[in-house]
Amino acid sequence: MQDGVTIRASTDEDLAAITAIYGHHVRHGTASFELDPPTLAEMTARRAAILAKGMPYLVAADGTTVLGYTYAGPYRPRPAYADTVENSIYMRHDLTGRGVGRLLLTALVTACADLGLRQMVAVVGDSANQPSIRLHERCGFRRVGTLTAVGWKFGRWLDSVMLQRALGDGDRTPPTRPH
C-alpha cells in the first residue's frame, strides 16, 4: 500500500476527510475517549490551534485521498513542558496494518525533532489497542505506564497507555528553543 503514498502538511481541503476518519474512531473505537464526533467546524478550529503553535499537522495521501493524519500538540500548558509534545495519529479504519501509519508517525517524529523539541508522549486509549501500541513501539517509543480504568466508554472502563520517545538530543543537553 505504501507505493504512491505521500506524507505532506495537511491543508484546509483535507479537513472533511480528517473529520470523517476521526469521527469513525470516536463512534466505533476506544482510541479516543470522546463520545460524540466533533463537527467539521470543531476539527477546523483544533487544527488551526495546532498550526498556530507552529506544530506539524500531517496527512498521508494517495493522490487526493487522505488515508490518515497525525499531529503534535503541547503536552501540557506550563512553560517547563515547552519542549515536550503529545502526538495523535488516526488512520482510515479500512487501511490499518499496511505501513502507512508508520510512515506518518516517523514523519511526525522527524518534524518535531527538526523543531528542536525533545520529548514526544503518546497517550493510547485502551490497553487493548495493541496495533497503536505496537506502532509506537516500532517507531522508538517505550511504554512508561498505564493509567488503569480512567475512561468509561461503550459500557466499560478503559485504560490509557503512556508511551514516550526522545527527540533529537532528548535529555542529554539543555533545550535550545526559547521559552
N, C-alpha and C. Protein backbone atom coordinates (compact mmCIF):
# COMPACT_ATOMS: atom_id res chain seq x y z
N MET A 1 0.82 -1.20 0.00
CA MET A 1 0.00 0.00 0.00
C MET A 1 0.86 1.26 0.00
N GLN A 2 2.10 1.17 0.41
CA GLN A 2 2.91 2.37 0.57
C GLN A 2 3.27 3.02 -0.77
N ASP A 3 3.24 2.27 -1.86
CA ASP A 3 3.52 2.88 -3.16
C ASP A 3 2.47 3.94 -3.46
N GLY A 4 2.92 5.11 -3.88
CA GLY A 4 2.00 6.19 -4.21
C GLY A 4 1.54 7.00 -3.02
N VAL A 5 1.95 6.62 -1.81
CA VAL A 5 1.55 7.36 -0.61
C VAL A 5 2.51 8.52 -0.41
N THR A 6 1.93 9.69 -0.19
CA THR A 6 2.70 10.89 0.08
C THR A 6 2.39 11.36 1.50
N ILE A 7 3.43 11.73 2.23
CA ILE A 7 3.25 12.35 3.53
C ILE A 7 3.49 13.84 3.33
N ARG A 8 2.51 14.66 3.72
CA ARG A 8 2.61 16.10 3.48
C ARG A 8 1.87 16.86 4.57
N ALA A 9 2.12 18.16 4.60
CA ALA A 9 1.38 19.02 5.52
C ALA A 9 -0.11 18.99 5.14
N SER A 10 -0.95 18.97 6.13
CA SER A 10 -2.39 18.98 5.87
C SER A 10 -2.80 20.33 5.31
N THR A 11 -3.92 20.33 4.58
CA THR A 11 -4.48 21.56 4.02
C THR A 11 -5.93 21.68 4.46
N ASP A 12 -6.50 22.84 4.24
CA ASP A 12 -7.92 23.04 4.54
C ASP A 12 -8.78 22.03 3.78
N GLU A 13 -8.37 21.68 2.58
CA GLU A 13 -9.13 20.74 1.75
C GLU A 13 -9.16 19.33 2.34
N ASP A 14 -8.23 19.03 3.23
CA ASP A 14 -8.17 17.70 3.85
C ASP A 14 -9.12 17.56 5.04
N LEU A 15 -9.66 18.66 5.52
CA LEU A 15 -10.39 18.63 6.78
C LEU A 15 -11.66 17.77 6.76
N ALA A 16 -12.35 17.70 5.67
CA ALA A 16 -13.55 16.84 5.63
C ALA A 16 -13.16 15.38 5.81
N ALA A 17 -12.09 14.96 5.15
CA ALA A 17 -11.62 13.57 5.28
C ALA A 17 -11.09 13.32 6.69
N ILE A 18 -10.33 14.26 7.24
CA ILE A 18 -9.81 14.14 8.60
C ILE A 18 -10.96 14.00 9.59
N THR A 19 -11.99 14.82 9.43
CA THR A 19 -13.16 14.77 10.31
C THR A 19 -13.86 13.42 10.20
N ALA A 20 -13.98 12.89 8.99
CA ALA A 20 -14.62 11.59 8.79
C ALA A 20 -13.80 10.47 9.42
N ILE A 21 -12.49 10.51 9.25
CA ILE A 21 -11.62 9.48 9.84
C ILE A 21 -11.76 9.49 11.35
N TYR A 22 -11.63 10.66 11.94
CA TYR A 22 -11.70 10.75 13.39
C TYR A 22 -13.09 10.39 13.89
N GLY A 23 -14.12 10.85 13.20
CA GLY A 23 -15.49 10.55 13.59
C GLY A 23 -15.76 9.06 13.66
N HIS A 24 -15.22 8.31 12.71
CA HIS A 24 -15.38 6.86 12.74
C HIS A 24 -14.77 6.27 14.01
N HIS A 25 -13.56 6.73 14.36
CA HIS A 25 -12.89 6.21 15.55
C HIS A 25 -13.63 6.60 16.83
N VAL A 26 -14.21 7.79 16.86
CA VAL A 26 -14.98 8.20 18.03
C VAL A 26 -16.23 7.33 18.17
N ARG A 27 -16.94 7.10 17.07
CA ARG A 27 -18.19 6.34 17.11
C ARG A 27 -17.99 4.84 17.36
N HIS A 28 -16.89 4.29 16.85
CA HIS A 28 -16.74 2.83 16.86
C HIS A 28 -15.55 2.29 17.63
N GLY A 29 -14.66 3.15 18.08
CA GLY A 29 -13.44 2.66 18.71
C GLY A 29 -13.19 3.25 20.08
N THR A 30 -12.11 2.79 20.67
CA THR A 30 -11.74 3.24 22.01
C THR A 30 -10.39 3.96 22.02
N ALA A 31 -9.85 4.27 20.85
CA ALA A 31 -8.60 5.03 20.79
C ALA A 31 -8.83 6.45 21.30
N SER A 32 -10.00 6.99 21.03
CA SER A 32 -10.38 8.31 21.52
C SER A 32 -11.42 8.14 22.62
N PHE A 33 -11.29 8.93 23.65
CA PHE A 33 -12.27 8.88 24.72
C PHE A 33 -13.40 9.89 24.50
N GLU A 34 -13.40 10.56 23.35
CA GLU A 34 -14.55 11.42 23.04
C GLU A 34 -15.76 10.52 22.80
N LEU A 35 -16.93 11.02 23.13
CA LEU A 35 -18.15 10.23 22.98
C LEU A 35 -18.95 10.64 21.75
N ASP A 36 -18.82 11.90 21.35
CA ASP A 36 -19.53 12.40 20.18
C ASP A 36 -18.52 12.95 19.18
N PRO A 37 -18.64 12.56 17.92
CA PRO A 37 -17.68 13.05 16.93
C PRO A 37 -17.77 14.57 16.78
N PRO A 38 -16.62 15.25 16.75
CA PRO A 38 -16.63 16.69 16.55
C PRO A 38 -17.07 17.04 15.14
N THR A 39 -17.62 18.22 15.01
CA THR A 39 -18.06 18.72 13.70
C THR A 39 -16.85 19.15 12.88
N LEU A 40 -17.09 19.40 11.62
CA LEU A 40 -16.05 19.92 10.74
C LEU A 40 -15.54 21.26 11.28
N ALA A 41 -16.43 22.10 11.76
CA ALA A 41 -16.01 23.40 12.30
C ALA A 41 -15.10 23.21 13.51
N GLU A 42 -15.42 22.26 14.38
CA GLU A 42 -14.58 22.00 15.55
C GLU A 42 -13.22 21.45 15.14
N MET A 43 -13.21 20.52 14.20
CA MET A 43 -11.93 19.96 13.74
C MET A 43 -11.09 21.03 13.04
N THR A 44 -11.74 21.93 12.35
CA THR A 44 -11.03 23.05 11.71
C THR A 44 -10.38 23.93 12.78
N ALA A 45 -11.12 24.22 13.83
CA ALA A 45 -10.58 25.05 14.92
C ALA A 45 -9.44 24.34 15.64
N ARG A 46 -9.57 23.04 15.86
CA ARG A 46 -8.50 22.29 16.52
C ARG A 46 -7.22 22.29 15.69
N ARG A 47 -7.36 22.08 14.40
CA ARG A 47 -6.18 22.10 13.52
C ARG A 47 -5.56 23.48 13.52
N ALA A 48 -6.36 24.51 13.44
CA ALA A 48 -5.84 25.89 13.44
C ALA A 48 -5.05 26.16 14.71
N ALA A 49 -5.52 25.66 15.85
CA ALA A 49 -4.82 25.87 17.12
C ALA A 49 -3.46 25.19 17.11
N ILE A 50 -3.38 24.01 16.55
CA ILE A 50 -2.09 23.29 16.45
C ILE A 50 -1.14 24.06 15.55
N LEU A 51 -1.63 24.46 14.39
CA LEU A 51 -0.78 25.19 13.44
C LEU A 51 -0.34 26.54 14.00
N ALA A 52 -1.21 27.20 14.77
CA ALA A 52 -0.87 28.49 15.36
C ALA A 52 0.29 28.38 16.34
N LYS A 53 0.48 27.21 16.91
CA LYS A 53 1.58 26.97 17.82
C LYS A 53 2.86 26.55 17.08
N GLY A 54 2.78 26.51 15.74
CA GLY A 54 3.95 26.14 14.94
C GLY A 54 4.22 24.65 14.92
N MET A 55 3.22 23.85 15.26
CA MET A 55 3.38 22.40 15.33
C MET A 55 2.95 21.75 14.01
N PRO A 56 3.51 20.57 13.72
CA PRO A 56 3.15 19.88 12.48
C PRO A 56 1.80 19.18 12.56
N TYR A 57 1.09 19.21 11.45
CA TYR A 57 -0.18 18.51 11.29
C TYR A 57 -0.12 17.90 9.89
N LEU A 58 0.12 16.60 9.81
CA LEU A 58 0.45 15.92 8.56
C LEU A 58 -0.65 14.96 8.13
N VAL A 59 -0.70 14.69 6.83
CA VAL A 59 -1.59 13.66 6.30
C VAL A 59 -0.78 12.70 5.43
N ALA A 60 -1.29 11.48 5.34
CA ALA A 60 -0.83 10.51 4.35
C ALA A 60 -1.91 10.51 3.28
N ALA A 61 -1.48 10.67 2.03
CA ALA A 61 -2.45 10.74 0.94
C ALA A 61 -2.00 9.87 -0.22
N ASP A 62 -2.96 9.35 -0.91
CA ASP A 62 -2.74 8.64 -2.17
C ASP A 62 -3.48 9.47 -3.20
N GLY A 63 -2.72 10.31 -3.91
CA GLY A 63 -3.35 11.29 -4.78
C GLY A 63 -4.05 12.32 -3.92
N THR A 64 -5.35 12.46 -4.12
CA THR A 64 -6.12 13.42 -3.32
C THR A 64 -6.88 12.73 -2.18
N THR A 65 -6.70 11.43 -2.03
CA THR A 65 -7.41 10.69 -0.99
C THR A 65 -6.59 10.65 0.29
N VAL A 66 -7.15 11.18 1.38
CA VAL A 66 -6.47 11.17 2.67
C VAL A 66 -6.66 9.79 3.30
N LEU A 67 -5.54 9.17 3.67
CA LEU A 67 -5.54 7.83 4.25
C LEU A 67 -5.44 7.87 5.78
N GLY A 68 -4.84 8.94 6.29
CA GLY A 68 -4.67 9.07 7.72
C GLY A 68 -4.05 10.42 8.03
N TYR A 69 -3.98 10.75 9.31
CA TYR A 69 -3.39 12.02 9.70
C TYR A 69 -2.73 11.90 11.06
N THR A 70 -1.82 12.81 11.33
CA THR A 70 -1.13 12.86 12.60
C THR A 70 -0.75 14.29 12.91
N TYR A 71 -0.65 14.58 14.19
CA TYR A 71 -0.19 15.92 14.59
C TYR A 71 0.43 15.83 15.97
N ALA A 72 1.16 16.88 16.31
CA ALA A 72 1.72 17.01 17.65
C ALA A 72 1.25 18.33 18.23
N GLY A 73 0.91 18.28 19.49
CA GLY A 73 0.49 19.48 20.19
C GLY A 73 1.16 19.52 21.55
N PRO A 74 1.01 20.63 22.24
CA PRO A 74 1.64 20.75 23.56
C PRO A 74 1.20 19.62 24.49
N TYR A 75 2.15 19.08 25.22
CA TYR A 75 1.84 18.03 26.19
C TYR A 75 1.05 18.61 27.37
N ARG A 76 1.52 19.71 27.90
CA ARG A 76 0.86 20.42 28.99
C ARG A 76 1.12 21.91 28.79
N PRO A 77 0.28 22.77 29.35
CA PRO A 77 0.43 24.21 29.09
C PRO A 77 1.53 24.92 29.87
N ARG A 78 2.03 24.36 30.95
CA ARG A 78 3.02 25.07 31.75
C ARG A 78 4.35 25.17 31.01
N PRO A 79 5.07 26.28 31.21
CA PRO A 79 6.30 26.54 30.44
C PRO A 79 7.38 25.46 30.55
N ALA A 80 7.47 24.78 31.67
CA ALA A 80 8.51 23.76 31.83
C ALA A 80 8.31 22.59 30.86
N TYR A 81 7.09 22.43 30.34
CA TYR A 81 6.79 21.36 29.39
C TYR A 81 6.98 21.79 27.93
N ALA A 82 7.51 22.96 27.69
CA ALA A 82 7.54 23.54 26.34
C ALA A 82 8.26 22.68 25.30
N ASP A 83 9.15 21.82 25.73
CA ASP A 83 9.91 21.00 24.78
C ASP A 83 9.34 19.59 24.63
N THR A 84 8.17 19.36 25.20
CA THR A 84 7.52 18.06 25.13
C THR A 84 6.18 18.21 24.41
N VAL A 85 5.93 17.28 23.49
CA VAL A 85 4.66 17.29 22.75
C VAL A 85 3.96 15.94 22.92
N GLU A 86 2.67 15.97 22.68
CA GLU A 86 1.87 14.75 22.65
C GLU A 86 1.41 14.54 21.22
N ASN A 87 1.50 13.32 20.76
CA ASN A 87 1.09 13.05 19.38
C ASN A 87 -0.29 12.39 19.32
N SER A 88 -0.93 12.57 18.18
CA SER A 88 -2.16 11.87 17.85
C SER A 88 -2.00 11.35 16.43
N ILE A 89 -2.51 10.15 16.19
CA ILE A 89 -2.46 9.57 14.85
C ILE A 89 -3.71 8.72 14.64
N TYR A 90 -4.34 8.92 13.51
CA TYR A 90 -5.54 8.17 13.15
C TYR A 90 -5.48 7.80 11.68
N MET A 91 -5.79 6.54 11.39
CA MET A 91 -5.83 6.04 10.03
C MET A 91 -7.28 5.75 9.64
N ARG A 92 -7.54 5.79 8.34
CA ARG A 92 -8.84 5.31 7.88
C ARG A 92 -9.00 3.89 8.39
N HIS A 93 -10.15 3.57 8.93
CA HIS A 93 -10.36 2.27 9.60
C HIS A 93 -10.12 1.07 8.69
N ASP A 94 -10.29 1.25 7.40
CA ASP A 94 -10.12 0.13 6.47
C ASP A 94 -8.68 0.02 5.93
N LEU A 95 -7.78 0.84 6.45
CA LEU A 95 -6.41 0.84 5.93
C LEU A 95 -5.36 0.59 7.01
N THR A 96 -5.75 0.08 8.15
CA THR A 96 -4.77 -0.14 9.21
C THR A 96 -3.93 -1.37 8.90
N GLY A 97 -2.72 -1.39 9.44
CA GLY A 97 -1.84 -2.55 9.30
C GLY A 97 -1.13 -2.64 7.96
N ARG A 98 -1.06 -1.56 7.21
CA ARG A 98 -0.44 -1.59 5.89
C ARG A 98 0.83 -0.75 5.79
N GLY A 99 1.29 -0.24 6.93
CA GLY A 99 2.55 0.50 6.95
C GLY A 99 2.43 2.00 6.79
N VAL A 100 1.24 2.49 6.49
CA VAL A 100 1.07 3.93 6.27
C VAL A 100 1.19 4.69 7.60
N GLY A 101 0.66 4.12 8.66
CA GLY A 101 0.77 4.75 9.97
C GLY A 101 2.22 4.93 10.39
N ARG A 102 3.03 3.94 10.09
CA ARG A 102 4.45 4.04 10.42
C ARG A 102 5.12 5.16 9.64
N LEU A 103 4.77 5.31 8.37
CA LEU A 103 5.30 6.42 7.57
C LEU A 103 4.89 7.76 8.19
N LEU A 104 3.63 7.86 8.56
CA LEU A 104 3.11 9.10 9.15
C LEU A 104 3.80 9.43 10.47
N LEU A 105 3.86 8.45 11.37
CA LEU A 105 4.43 8.70 12.69
C LEU A 105 5.92 9.01 12.59
N THR A 106 6.63 8.33 11.71
CA THR A 106 8.05 8.60 11.51
C THR A 106 8.25 10.03 11.01
N ALA A 107 7.40 10.47 10.10
CA ALA A 107 7.50 11.85 9.58
C ALA A 107 7.21 12.86 10.69
N LEU A 108 6.24 12.56 11.55
CA LEU A 108 5.92 13.47 12.65
C LEU A 108 7.09 13.57 13.63
N VAL A 109 7.68 12.44 13.97
CA VAL A 109 8.83 12.43 14.89
C VAL A 109 9.96 13.29 14.31
N THR A 110 10.24 13.11 13.02
CA THR A 110 11.29 13.89 12.36
C THR A 110 10.97 15.38 12.37
N ALA A 111 9.72 15.72 12.04
CA ALA A 111 9.32 17.13 12.01
C ALA A 111 9.47 17.77 13.39
N CYS A 112 9.10 17.06 14.43
CA CYS A 112 9.20 17.61 15.78
C CYS A 112 10.66 17.73 16.22
N ALA A 113 11.47 16.76 15.89
CA ALA A 113 12.90 16.84 16.21
C ALA A 113 13.53 18.02 15.48
N ASP A 114 13.13 18.23 14.23
CA ASP A 114 13.65 19.36 13.45
C ASP A 114 13.28 20.71 14.07
N LEU A 115 12.19 20.74 14.82
CA LEU A 115 11.78 21.97 15.51
C LEU A 115 12.55 22.19 16.81
N GLY A 116 13.37 21.23 17.18
CA GLY A 116 14.13 21.34 18.42
C GLY A 116 13.40 20.81 19.63
N LEU A 117 12.28 20.15 19.43
CA LEU A 117 11.54 19.55 20.55
C LEU A 117 12.32 18.35 21.08
N ARG A 118 12.10 17.99 22.34
CA ARG A 118 12.95 16.98 22.97
C ARG A 118 12.26 15.68 23.38
N GLN A 119 10.96 15.71 23.62
CA GLN A 119 10.25 14.50 24.03
C GLN A 119 8.89 14.45 23.36
N MET A 120 8.46 13.24 23.00
CA MET A 120 7.12 13.04 22.47
C MET A 120 6.43 11.98 23.33
N VAL A 121 5.22 12.29 23.72
CA VAL A 121 4.41 11.40 24.55
C VAL A 121 3.22 10.94 23.72
N ALA A 122 2.89 9.66 23.84
CA ALA A 122 1.68 9.11 23.23
C ALA A 122 0.80 8.62 24.36
N VAL A 123 -0.46 8.99 24.31
CA VAL A 123 -1.44 8.51 25.27
C VAL A 123 -2.43 7.68 24.47
N VAL A 124 -2.25 6.37 24.51
CA VAL A 124 -3.06 5.46 23.70
C VAL A 124 -4.29 5.06 24.50
N GLY A 125 -5.46 5.34 23.93
CA GLY A 125 -6.70 4.95 24.57
C GLY A 125 -6.89 3.45 24.48
N ASP A 126 -7.16 2.82 25.61
CA ASP A 126 -7.50 1.41 25.72
C ASP A 126 -6.25 0.52 25.62
N SER A 127 -5.94 -0.15 26.71
CA SER A 127 -4.78 -1.04 26.71
C SER A 127 -4.95 -2.21 25.74
N ALA A 128 -6.17 -2.45 25.27
CA ALA A 128 -6.40 -3.49 24.26
C ALA A 128 -6.07 -2.99 22.86
N ASN A 129 -5.73 -1.72 22.71
CA ASN A 129 -5.41 -1.14 21.40
C ASN A 129 -3.97 -1.50 21.03
N GLN A 130 -3.72 -2.78 20.88
CA GLN A 130 -2.37 -3.26 20.60
C GLN A 130 -1.80 -2.76 19.27
N PRO A 131 -2.59 -2.59 18.21
CA PRO A 131 -1.99 -2.06 16.97
C PRO A 131 -1.36 -0.68 17.17
N SER A 132 -2.01 0.20 17.93
CA SER A 132 -1.44 1.52 18.17
C SER A 132 -0.21 1.44 19.07
N ILE A 133 -0.28 0.61 20.09
CA ILE A 133 0.86 0.45 20.98
C ILE A 133 2.05 -0.10 20.20
N ARG A 134 1.83 -1.12 19.39
CA ARG A 134 2.92 -1.70 18.58
C ARG A 134 3.47 -0.69 17.59
N LEU A 135 2.61 0.10 16.96
CA LEU A 135 3.07 1.13 16.03
C LEU A 135 4.03 2.08 16.73
N HIS A 136 3.64 2.56 17.88
CA HIS A 136 4.50 3.49 18.62
C HIS A 136 5.82 2.82 19.01
N GLU A 137 5.75 1.59 19.49
CA GLU A 137 6.98 0.88 19.87
C GLU A 137 7.90 0.69 18.66
N ARG A 138 7.34 0.38 17.51
CA ARG A 138 8.15 0.22 16.29
C ARG A 138 8.79 1.54 15.86
N CYS A 139 8.22 2.64 16.30
CA CYS A 139 8.77 3.96 15.97
C CYS A 139 9.62 4.52 17.11
N GLY A 140 10.09 3.67 18.00
CA GLY A 140 11.05 4.08 19.01
C GLY A 140 10.47 4.52 20.35
N PHE A 141 9.17 4.40 20.53
CA PHE A 141 8.56 4.76 21.81
C PHE A 141 8.72 3.60 22.79
N ARG A 142 8.79 3.91 24.07
CA ARG A 142 8.80 2.88 25.10
C ARG A 142 7.62 3.12 26.03
N ARG A 143 7.07 2.04 26.48
CA ARG A 143 5.95 2.11 27.40
C ARG A 143 6.44 2.62 28.75
N VAL A 144 5.77 3.64 29.27
CA VAL A 144 6.20 4.20 30.55
C VAL A 144 5.13 4.07 31.63
N GLY A 145 3.96 3.59 31.26
CA GLY A 145 2.95 3.39 32.29
C GLY A 145 1.56 3.17 31.74
N THR A 146 0.70 2.71 32.60
CA THR A 146 -0.71 2.52 32.27
C THR A 146 -1.55 3.16 33.36
N LEU A 147 -2.45 4.01 32.94
CA LEU A 147 -3.44 4.59 33.85
C LEU A 147 -4.67 3.68 33.76
N THR A 148 -4.96 2.99 34.82
CA THR A 148 -5.99 1.96 34.81
C THR A 148 -7.38 2.55 35.00
N ALA A 149 -8.29 2.13 34.14
CA ALA A 149 -9.72 2.44 34.28
C ALA A 149 -9.98 3.94 34.43
N VAL A 150 -9.38 4.75 33.55
CA VAL A 150 -9.56 6.20 33.65
C VAL A 150 -10.63 6.74 32.71
N GLY A 151 -11.15 5.90 31.83
CA GLY A 151 -12.20 6.33 30.91
C GLY A 151 -13.34 5.34 30.88
N TRP A 152 -14.55 5.85 30.65
CA TRP A 152 -15.74 5.00 30.55
C TRP A 152 -16.37 5.22 29.18
N LYS A 153 -16.40 4.18 28.38
CA LYS A 153 -16.97 4.29 27.03
C LYS A 153 -17.50 2.92 26.63
N PHE A 154 -18.59 2.91 25.92
CA PHE A 154 -19.21 1.67 25.45
C PHE A 154 -19.51 0.71 26.60
N GLY A 155 -19.88 1.27 27.75
CA GLY A 155 -20.28 0.44 28.88
C GLY A 155 -19.16 -0.27 29.59
N ARG A 156 -17.94 0.20 29.43
CA ARG A 156 -16.83 -0.44 30.14
C ARG A 156 -15.74 0.56 30.47
N TRP A 157 -14.93 0.22 31.47
CA TRP A 157 -13.79 1.04 31.85
C TRP A 157 -12.65 0.79 30.88
N LEU A 158 -11.93 1.86 30.57
CA LEU A 158 -10.79 1.79 29.65
C LEU A 158 -9.54 2.36 30.30
N ASP A 159 -8.42 1.76 29.97
CA ASP A 159 -7.12 2.25 30.42
C ASP A 159 -6.57 3.24 29.41
N SER A 160 -5.57 3.99 29.82
CA SER A 160 -4.74 4.78 28.91
C SER A 160 -3.31 4.27 29.07
N VAL A 161 -2.67 3.99 27.96
CA VAL A 161 -1.29 3.52 27.97
C VAL A 161 -0.40 4.68 27.56
N MET A 162 0.59 4.95 28.38
CA MET A 162 1.51 6.06 28.13
C MET A 162 2.80 5.51 27.52
N LEU A 163 3.21 6.14 26.41
CA LEU A 163 4.48 5.80 25.78
C LEU A 163 5.25 7.09 25.57
N GLN A 164 6.56 6.98 25.50
CA GLN A 164 7.40 8.18 25.37
C GLN A 164 8.59 7.87 24.48
N ARG A 165 9.04 8.91 23.79
CA ARG A 165 10.18 8.79 22.91
C ARG A 165 10.98 10.09 22.94
N ALA A 166 12.30 9.97 23.06
CA ALA A 166 13.16 11.15 23.00
C ALA A 166 13.23 11.63 21.56
N LEU A 167 13.37 12.93 21.40
CA LEU A 167 13.56 13.57 20.09
C LEU A 167 14.91 14.27 20.11
N GLY A 168 15.65 14.19 19.03
CA GLY A 168 16.94 14.87 18.96
C GLY A 168 17.83 14.45 20.11
N ASP A 169 18.37 15.44 20.84
CA ASP A 169 19.24 15.16 21.99
C ASP A 169 18.49 14.69 23.22
N GLY A 170 17.17 14.69 23.16
CA GLY A 170 16.39 14.27 24.32
C GLY A 170 16.81 15.05 25.55
N ASP A 171 17.15 14.33 26.60
CA ASP A 171 17.53 14.98 27.86
C ASP A 171 19.05 15.06 28.05
N ARG A 172 19.82 14.82 26.99
CA ARG A 172 21.29 14.85 27.11
C ARG A 172 21.86 16.26 27.16
N THR A 173 21.11 17.23 26.65
CA THR A 173 21.58 18.62 26.65
C THR A 173 20.41 19.53 27.02
N PRO A 174 20.69 20.74 27.47
CA PRO A 174 19.60 21.68 27.77
C PRO A 174 18.84 22.04 26.50
N PRO A 175 17.60 22.48 26.64
CA PRO A 175 16.82 22.88 25.46
C PRO A 175 17.45 24.09 24.76
N THR A 176 17.21 24.15 23.47
CA THR A 176 17.72 25.27 22.68
C THR A 176 16.63 26.21 22.22
N ARG A 177 15.38 25.77 22.35
CA ARG A 177 14.26 26.60 21.92
C ARG A 177 14.00 27.67 22.98
N PRO A 178 13.61 28.86 22.56
CA PRO A 178 13.27 29.89 23.56
C PRO A 178 12.02 29.50 24.32
N HIS A 179 12.02 29.81 25.59
CA HIS A 179 10.83 29.51 26.43
C HIS A 179 10.12 30.76 26.79
